[in-house]
Amino acid sequence: MARTFALAGLLRLRHVQEDEAQSVLAAANARAREAAVRSAMARAQLENGSQLDGVFDSSALLAVAAARSSARSMLAELDAVAQGHQASAEQAQVAFSAARARSIGLEKLEQKHNAVVAEEDVRSEQIVLDEIASTAWNRGQEDDR
């Protein structure tokens, strides 16, 4: 059996692909978290801005209503962006899982290969030790004669 794992190059490629998928996943998760935080902050600002202090006439009331309506539409857009980032993060998770699954199969093959090589090494060493012991024993028998 070959001493080196024949699929070592492919395994390295799979690890590179897995690392790349992992970095894409991390970036997607960061964007999704950031969008969720922005959405939560905008929502909190909208809820805190509901006080009508200093509004004395109808034009000011209309301006406040227009501002709140604009803020709500902006919040809806932020929510849509957050959902888009979350969907991207889920897709990146699927891609990472697939890349990891491809690596795992090759890693198991490599482990089996290494176990077989180690077993062959032990067997070869045992044969050499048996030869040495047999030769020494035979010499001892010849000396006794």
N, C-alpha and C. Protein backbone atom coordinates (compact mmCIF):
# COMPACT_ATOMS: atom_id res chain seq x y z
N MET A 1 0.84 -1.18 0.00
CA MET A 1 0.00 0.00 0.00
C MET A 1 0.89 1.25 0.00
N ALA A 2 0.44 2.28 -0.64
CA ALA A 2 1.19 3.52 -0.72
C ALA A 2 1.35 4.13 0.68
N ARG A 3 2.51 4.70 0.94
CA ARG A 3 2.78 5.28 2.26
C ARG A 3 2.00 6.59 2.45
N THR A 4 1.82 7.33 1.38
CA THR A 4 1.08 8.59 1.51
C THR A 4 -0.36 8.37 1.05
N PHE A 5 -1.23 9.14 1.61
CA PHE A 5 -2.65 9.06 1.27
C PHE A 5 -2.84 9.57 -0.15
N ALA A 6 -3.37 8.73 -1.01
CA ALA A 6 -3.49 9.07 -2.43
C ALA A 6 -4.41 10.26 -2.69
N LEU A 7 -5.38 10.48 -1.83
CA LEU A 7 -6.34 11.57 -2.02
C LEU A 7 -6.01 12.79 -1.17
N ALA A 8 -4.74 12.92 -0.76
CA ALA A 8 -4.34 14.03 0.10
C ALA A 8 -4.58 15.39 -0.58
N GLY A 9 -4.30 15.47 -1.86
CA GLY A 9 -4.53 16.73 -2.59
C GLY A 9 -5.99 17.11 -2.62
N LEU A 10 -6.84 16.12 -2.86
CA LEU A 10 -8.28 16.37 -2.87
C LEU A 10 -8.78 16.77 -1.48
N LEU A 11 -8.22 16.13 -0.45
CA LEU A 11 -8.61 16.47 0.92
C LEU A 11 -8.21 17.91 1.25
N ARG A 12 -7.01 18.32 0.81
CA ARG A 12 -6.60 19.72 1.03
C ARG A 12 -7.55 20.68 0.32
N LEU A 13 -7.95 20.33 -0.91
CA LEU A 13 -8.91 21.15 -1.65
C LEU A 13 -10.24 21.23 -0.91
N ARG A 14 -10.71 20.11 -0.39
CA ARG A 14 -11.97 20.11 0.36
C ARG A 14 -11.86 20.96 1.62
N HIS A 15 -10.71 20.93 2.28
CA HIS A 15 -10.53 21.78 3.46
C HIS A 15 -10.52 23.25 3.09
N VAL A 16 -9.92 23.59 1.96
CA VAL A 16 -9.93 24.99 1.49
C VAL A 16 -11.36 25.41 1.19
N GLN A 17 -12.12 24.54 0.52
CA GLN A 17 -13.51 24.86 0.22
C GLN A 17 -14.32 25.01 1.51
N GLU A 18 -14.06 24.15 2.48
CA GLU A 18 -14.76 24.24 3.76
C GLU A 18 -14.43 25.54 4.47
N ASP A 19 -13.14 25.92 4.47
CA ASP A 19 -12.74 27.18 5.11
C ASP A 19 -13.39 28.37 4.43
N GLU A 20 -13.46 28.32 3.10
CA GLU A 20 -14.09 29.41 2.35
C GLU A 20 -15.58 29.50 2.69
N ALA A 21 -16.25 28.36 2.74
CA ALA A 21 -17.68 28.34 3.08
C ALA A 21 -17.89 28.83 4.51
N GLN A 22 -16.96 28.50 5.39
CA GLN A 22 -17.07 28.94 6.78
C GLN A 22 -16.92 30.46 6.88
N SER A 23 -16.00 31.03 6.10
CA SER A 23 -15.84 32.49 6.14
C SER A 23 -17.05 33.20 5.54
N VAL A 24 -17.62 32.63 4.48
CA VAL A 24 -18.83 33.21 3.90
C VAL A 24 -19.97 33.15 4.91
N LEU A 25 -20.07 32.04 5.62
CA LEU A 25 -21.10 31.89 6.65
C LEU A 25 -20.91 32.92 7.76
N ALA A 26 -19.68 33.10 8.20
CA ALA A 26 -19.41 34.07 9.27
C ALA A 26 -19.78 35.48 8.83
N ALA A 27 -19.44 35.83 7.60
CA ALA A 27 -19.78 37.17 7.08
C ALA A 27 -21.29 37.34 6.96
N ALA A 28 -21.98 36.30 6.48
CA ALA A 28 -23.44 36.38 6.34
C ALA A 28 -24.11 36.51 7.70
N ASN A 29 -23.61 35.76 8.68
CA ASN A 29 -24.16 35.86 10.03
C ASN A 29 -23.92 37.25 10.62
N ALA A 30 -22.75 37.82 10.37
CA ALA A 30 -22.46 39.17 10.86
C ALA A 30 -23.40 40.20 10.24
N ARG A 31 -23.62 40.08 8.91
CA ARG A 31 -24.55 41.01 8.25
C ARG A 31 -25.97 40.86 8.79
N ALA A 32 -26.38 39.62 9.03
CA ALA A 32 -27.74 39.39 9.54
C ALA A 32 -27.88 39.98 10.95
N ARG A 33 -26.86 39.79 11.78
CA ARG A 33 -26.92 40.37 13.14
C ARG A 33 -26.95 41.89 13.08
N GLU A 34 -26.11 42.47 12.22
CA GLU A 34 -26.05 43.92 12.09
C GLU A 34 -27.40 44.48 11.62
N ALA A 35 -28.02 43.84 10.66
CA ALA A 35 -29.32 44.30 10.15
C ALA A 35 -30.39 44.17 11.23
N ALA A 36 -30.33 43.11 12.02
CA ALA A 36 -31.30 42.94 13.09
C ALA A 36 -31.13 44.02 14.16
N VAL A 37 -29.89 44.36 14.46
CA VAL A 37 -29.63 45.42 15.45
C VAL A 37 -30.13 46.77 14.93
N ARG A 38 -29.84 47.07 13.65
CA ARG A 38 -30.33 48.34 13.08
C ARG A 38 -31.85 48.40 13.10
N SER A 39 -32.49 47.30 12.78
CA SER A 39 -33.94 47.26 12.79
C SER A 39 -34.48 47.46 14.20
N ALA A 40 -33.85 46.82 15.18
CA ALA A 40 -34.29 46.97 16.57
C ALA A 40 -34.09 48.40 17.05
N MET A 41 -32.97 49.01 16.67
CA MET A 41 -32.73 50.41 17.07
C MET A 41 -33.75 51.35 16.45
N ALA A 42 -34.05 51.14 15.17
CA ALA A 42 -35.04 51.99 14.50
C ALA A 42 -36.41 51.81 15.13
N ARG A 43 -36.74 50.57 15.46
CA ARG A 43 -38.02 50.30 16.11
C ARG A 43 -38.10 50.99 17.47
N ALA A 44 -37.01 50.93 18.23
CA ALA A 44 -36.98 51.59 19.54
C ALA A 44 -37.10 53.10 19.40
N GLN A 45 -36.43 53.67 18.41
CA GLN A 45 -36.53 55.11 18.19
C GLN A 45 -37.94 55.51 17.80
N LEU A 46 -38.59 54.69 16.99
CA LEU A 46 -39.96 54.98 16.57
C LEU A 46 -40.90 54.93 17.77
N GLU A 47 -40.69 53.96 18.64
CA GLU A 47 -41.56 53.84 19.83
C GLU A 47 -41.31 54.98 20.80
N ASN A 48 -40.06 55.41 20.94
CA ASN A 48 -39.74 56.51 21.86
C ASN A 48 -40.17 57.86 21.32
N GLY A 49 -40.31 57.98 20.03
CA GLY A 49 -40.69 59.25 19.43
C GLY A 49 -42.19 59.47 19.36
N SER A 50 -42.96 58.71 20.10
CA SER A 50 -44.41 58.82 20.02
C SER A 50 -44.97 59.96 20.86
N GLN A 51 -44.12 60.65 21.62
CA GLN A 51 -44.61 61.75 22.44
C GLN A 51 -44.87 62.97 21.56
N LEU A 52 -45.89 63.66 21.88
CA LEU A 52 -46.29 64.82 21.07
C LEU A 52 -46.07 66.12 21.83
N ASP A 53 -44.97 66.22 22.56
CA ASP A 53 -44.66 67.46 23.30
C ASP A 53 -44.40 68.59 22.31
N GLY A 54 -44.95 69.70 22.55
CA GLY A 54 -44.72 70.88 21.73
C GLY A 54 -45.55 70.93 20.46
N VAL A 55 -46.50 70.03 20.28
CA VAL A 55 -47.34 70.05 19.09
C VAL A 55 -48.62 70.82 19.46
N PHE A 56 -48.77 72.01 18.86
CA PHE A 56 -49.91 72.84 19.23
C PHE A 56 -50.87 73.11 18.09
N ASP A 57 -50.46 72.91 16.88
CA ASP A 57 -51.37 73.20 15.77
C ASP A 57 -51.43 72.01 14.81
N SER A 58 -52.33 72.09 13.87
CA SER A 58 -52.57 70.96 12.97
C SER A 58 -51.41 70.73 12.00
N SER A 59 -50.71 71.78 11.60
CA SER A 59 -49.59 71.59 10.67
C SER A 59 -48.45 70.82 11.34
N ALA A 60 -48.21 71.09 12.62
CA ALA A 60 -47.17 70.36 13.36
C ALA A 60 -47.60 68.91 13.53
N LEU A 61 -48.90 68.70 13.79
CA LEU A 61 -49.41 67.34 13.94
C LEU A 61 -49.29 66.57 12.63
N LEU A 62 -49.56 67.25 11.51
CA LEU A 62 -49.41 66.61 10.20
C LEU A 62 -47.94 66.28 9.93
N ALA A 63 -47.04 67.14 10.33
CA ALA A 63 -45.61 66.90 10.14
C ALA A 63 -45.16 65.69 10.95
N VAL A 64 -45.65 65.58 12.19
CA VAL A 64 -45.32 64.44 13.05
C VAL A 64 -45.88 63.16 12.43
N ALA A 65 -47.09 63.21 11.92
CA ALA A 65 -47.70 62.04 11.29
C ALA A 65 -46.91 61.62 10.05
N ALA A 66 -46.49 62.60 9.27
CA ALA A 66 -45.70 62.28 8.07
C ALA A 66 -44.35 61.67 8.46
N ALA A 67 -43.73 62.21 9.49
CA ALA A 67 -42.45 61.68 9.95
C ALA A 67 -42.60 60.26 10.45
N ARG A 68 -43.66 59.99 11.20
CA ARG A 68 -43.89 58.63 11.71
C ARG A 68 -44.19 57.67 10.57
N SER A 69 -44.93 58.12 9.58
CA SER A 69 -45.23 57.27 8.42
C SER A 69 -43.95 56.95 7.66
N SER A 70 -43.11 57.94 7.48
CA SER A 70 -41.83 57.73 6.82
C SER A 70 -40.96 56.77 7.62
N ALA A 71 -40.96 56.94 8.93
CA ALA A 71 -40.16 56.06 9.79
C ALA A 71 -40.68 54.62 9.71
N ARG A 72 -41.98 54.46 9.65
CA ARG A 72 -42.54 53.10 9.53
C ARG A 72 -42.15 52.46 8.21
N SER A 73 -42.19 53.22 7.12
CA SER A 73 -41.80 52.63 5.83
C SER A 73 -40.31 52.30 5.83
N MET A 74 -39.51 53.16 6.46
CA MET A 74 -38.09 52.88 6.57
C MET A 74 -37.87 51.61 7.41
N LEU A 75 -38.65 51.45 8.47
CA LEU A 75 -38.55 50.27 9.31
C LEU A 75 -38.94 49.02 8.54
N ALA A 76 -39.95 49.14 7.70
CA ALA A 76 -40.35 48.00 6.87
C ALA A 76 -39.23 47.62 5.90
N GLU A 77 -38.56 48.63 5.35
CA GLU A 77 -37.43 48.35 4.46
C GLU A 77 -36.29 47.69 5.22
N LEU A 78 -36.01 48.18 6.43
CA LEU A 78 -34.97 47.57 7.26
C LEU A 78 -35.31 46.11 7.59
N ASP A 79 -36.57 45.86 7.89
CA ASP A 79 -37.00 44.48 8.16
C ASP A 79 -36.81 43.59 6.94
N ALA A 80 -37.12 44.13 5.76
CA ALA A 80 -36.94 43.36 4.53
C ALA A 80 -35.46 43.06 4.30
N VAL A 81 -34.60 44.04 4.54
CA VAL A 81 -33.16 43.83 4.39
C VAL A 81 -32.68 42.78 5.39
N ALA A 82 -33.18 42.87 6.63
CA ALA A 82 -32.80 41.90 7.66
C ALA A 82 -33.24 40.49 7.26
N GLN A 83 -34.42 40.37 6.70
CA GLN A 83 -34.90 39.05 6.25
C GLN A 83 -34.04 38.54 5.10
N GLY A 84 -33.65 39.42 4.21
CA GLY A 84 -32.77 39.03 3.11
C GLY A 84 -31.41 38.54 3.61
N HIS A 85 -30.87 39.25 4.59
CA HIS A 85 -29.58 38.83 5.17
C HIS A 85 -29.73 37.50 5.91
N GLN A 86 -30.85 37.31 6.57
CA GLN A 86 -31.09 36.06 7.29
C GLN A 86 -31.19 34.90 6.29
N ALA A 87 -31.87 35.14 5.17
CA ALA A 87 -31.96 34.10 4.13
C ALA A 87 -30.58 33.78 3.57
N SER A 88 -29.76 34.80 3.36
CA SER A 88 -28.39 34.57 2.88
C SER A 88 -27.59 33.77 3.89
N ALA A 89 -27.78 34.06 5.17
CA ALA A 89 -27.08 33.32 6.22
C ALA A 89 -27.51 31.86 6.23
N GLU A 90 -28.78 31.62 6.01
CA GLU A 90 -29.28 30.23 5.97
C GLU A 90 -28.71 29.49 4.77
N GLN A 91 -28.62 30.16 3.63
CA GLN A 91 -28.02 29.54 2.44
C GLN A 91 -26.54 29.25 2.67
N ALA A 92 -25.85 30.18 3.32
CA ALA A 92 -24.43 29.98 3.61
C ALA A 92 -24.24 28.81 4.57
N GLN A 93 -25.17 28.64 5.51
CA GLN A 93 -25.11 27.51 6.44
C GLN A 93 -25.26 26.19 5.70
N VAL A 94 -26.17 26.16 4.74
CA VAL A 94 -26.37 24.95 3.93
C VAL A 94 -25.11 24.65 3.12
N ALA A 95 -24.51 25.69 2.52
CA ALA A 95 -23.29 25.50 1.74
C ALA A 95 -22.14 25.01 2.61
N PHE A 96 -22.03 25.58 3.81
CA PHE A 96 -20.98 25.14 4.73
C PHE A 96 -21.19 23.69 5.15
N SER A 97 -22.43 23.33 5.45
CA SER A 97 -22.72 21.95 5.85
C SER A 97 -22.37 20.97 4.73
N ALA A 98 -22.67 21.34 3.50
CA ALA A 98 -22.34 20.48 2.36
C ALA A 98 -20.82 20.36 2.20
N ALA A 99 -20.11 21.46 2.34
CA ALA A 99 -18.64 21.42 2.22
C ALA A 99 -18.05 20.58 3.34
N ARG A 100 -18.60 20.71 4.52
CA ARG A 100 -18.10 19.91 5.66
C ARG A 100 -18.36 18.43 5.43
N ALA A 101 -19.52 18.10 4.89
CA ALA A 101 -19.86 16.69 4.63
C ALA A 101 -18.90 16.09 3.61
N ARG A 102 -18.52 16.88 2.60
CA ARG A 102 -17.57 16.38 1.60
C ARG A 102 -16.20 16.14 2.23
N SER A 103 -15.81 16.99 3.16
CA SER A 103 -14.52 16.82 3.83
C SER A 103 -14.53 15.62 4.76
N ILE A 104 -15.61 15.42 5.45
CA ILE A 104 -15.68 14.34 6.44
C ILE A 104 -15.46 12.98 5.79
N GLY A 105 -16.05 12.75 4.65
CA GLY A 105 -15.88 11.47 3.96
C GLY A 105 -14.42 11.20 3.65
N LEU A 106 -13.71 12.20 3.13
CA LEU A 106 -12.30 12.03 2.82
C LEU A 106 -11.46 11.89 4.09
N GLU A 107 -11.83 12.61 5.14
CA GLU A 107 -11.09 12.49 6.40
C GLU A 107 -11.19 11.07 6.95
N LYS A 108 -12.36 10.48 6.84
CA LYS A 108 -12.52 9.10 7.30
C LYS A 108 -11.67 8.15 6.48
N LEU A 109 -11.63 8.36 5.16
CA LEU A 109 -10.76 7.53 4.32
C LEU A 109 -9.30 7.69 4.71
N GLU A 110 -8.89 8.92 5.00
CA GLU A 110 -7.51 9.17 5.40
C GLU A 110 -7.20 8.47 6.72
N GLN A 111 -8.13 8.51 7.67
CA GLN A 111 -7.93 7.83 8.95
C GLN A 111 -7.77 6.33 8.75
N LYS A 112 -8.60 5.75 7.90
CA LYS A 112 -8.49 4.31 7.61
C LYS A 112 -7.14 4.01 6.96
N HIS A 113 -6.74 4.86 6.02
CA HIS A 113 -5.45 4.67 5.37
C HIS A 113 -4.32 4.71 6.39
N ASN A 114 -4.34 5.70 7.26
CA ASN A 114 -3.30 5.83 8.28
C ASN A 114 -3.28 4.64 9.21
N ALA A 115 -4.46 4.11 9.55
CA ALA A 115 -4.53 2.94 10.42
C ALA A 115 -3.93 1.72 9.72
N VAL A 116 -4.20 1.55 8.43
CA VAL A 116 -3.65 0.42 7.68
C VAL A 116 -2.14 0.55 7.57
N VAL A 117 -1.64 1.75 7.31
CA VAL A 117 -0.20 1.98 7.20
C VAL A 117 0.46 1.69 8.54
N ALA A 118 -0.14 2.17 9.63
CA ALA A 118 0.43 1.91 10.96
C ALA A 118 0.44 0.41 11.25
N GLU A 119 -0.61 -0.29 10.88
CA GLU A 119 -0.67 -1.73 11.08
C GLU A 119 0.41 -2.44 10.27
N GLU A 120 0.62 -2.01 9.05
CA GLU A 120 1.68 -2.58 8.22
C GLU A 120 3.05 -2.32 8.82
N ASP A 121 3.25 -1.13 9.38
CA ASP A 121 4.53 -0.80 10.03
C ASP A 121 4.77 -1.73 11.22
N VAL A 122 3.75 -1.92 12.02
CA VAL A 122 3.88 -2.79 13.19
C VAL A 122 4.16 -4.22 12.74
N ARG A 123 3.46 -4.68 11.72
CA ARG A 123 3.66 -6.04 11.20
C ARG A 123 5.09 -6.20 10.67
N SER A 124 5.57 -5.22 9.91
CA SER A 124 6.94 -5.29 9.37
C SER A 124 7.96 -5.29 10.50
N GLU A 125 7.74 -4.48 11.48
CA GLU A 125 8.65 -4.43 12.63
C GLU A 125 8.66 -5.76 13.38
N GLN A 126 7.48 -6.35 13.53
CA GLN A 126 7.39 -7.62 14.22
C GLN A 126 8.13 -8.71 13.43
N ILE A 127 8.02 -8.69 12.11
CA ILE A 127 8.73 -9.67 11.28
C ILE A 127 10.24 -9.52 11.48
N VAL A 128 10.73 -8.28 11.48
CA VAL A 128 12.16 -8.04 11.69
C VAL A 128 12.58 -8.54 13.07
N LEU A 129 11.78 -8.23 14.09
CA LEU A 129 12.11 -8.68 15.44
C LEU A 129 12.11 -10.20 15.53
N ASP A 130 11.16 -10.83 14.86
CA ASP A 130 11.12 -12.30 14.86
C ASP A 130 12.35 -12.87 14.17
N GLU A 131 12.76 -12.25 13.07
CA GLU A 131 13.96 -12.70 12.36
C GLU A 131 15.19 -12.56 13.26
N ILE A 132 15.30 -11.44 13.94
CA ILE A 132 16.45 -11.21 14.83
C ILE A 132 16.45 -12.25 15.94
N ALA A 133 15.29 -12.46 16.54
CA ALA A 133 15.20 -13.43 17.63
C ALA A 133 15.49 -14.84 17.13
N SER A 134 15.01 -15.18 15.98
CA SER A 134 15.23 -16.51 15.40
C SER A 134 16.71 -16.71 15.10
N THR A 135 17.34 -15.70 14.53
CA THR A 135 18.76 -15.79 14.21
C THR A 135 19.59 -15.94 15.49
N ALA A 136 19.27 -15.17 16.49
CA ALA A 136 20.00 -15.26 17.76
C ALA A 136 19.79 -16.62 18.40
N TRP A 137 18.59 -17.13 18.33
CA TRP A 137 18.31 -18.44 18.93
C TRP A 137 19.06 -19.53 18.18
N ASN A 138 19.07 -19.43 16.83
CA ASN A 138 19.79 -20.41 16.02
C ASN A 138 21.29 -20.37 16.30
N ARG A 139 21.86 -19.19 16.50
CA ARG A 139 23.28 -19.07 16.83
C ARG A 139 23.56 -19.72 18.18
N GLY A 140 22.64 -19.52 19.12
CA GLY A 140 22.80 -20.14 20.44
C GLY A 140 22.78 -21.65 20.35
N GLN A 141 21.96 -22.19 19.47
CA GLN A 141 21.88 -23.64 19.28
C GLN A 141 23.17 -24.16 18.65
N GLU A 142 23.74 -23.41 17.69
CA GLU A 142 24.97 -23.83 17.04
C GLU A 142 26.14 -23.78 18.01
N ASP A 143 26.15 -22.80 18.92
CA ASP A 143 27.23 -22.69 19.89
C ASP A 143 27.20 -23.83 20.91
N ASP A 144 26.00 -24.35 21.20
CA ASP A 144 25.86 -25.44 22.15
C ASP A 144 26.37 -26.76 21.57
N ARG A 145 26.51 -26.89 20.34
CA ARG A 145 26.92 -28.15 19.70
C ARG A 145 28.37 -28.36 19.78
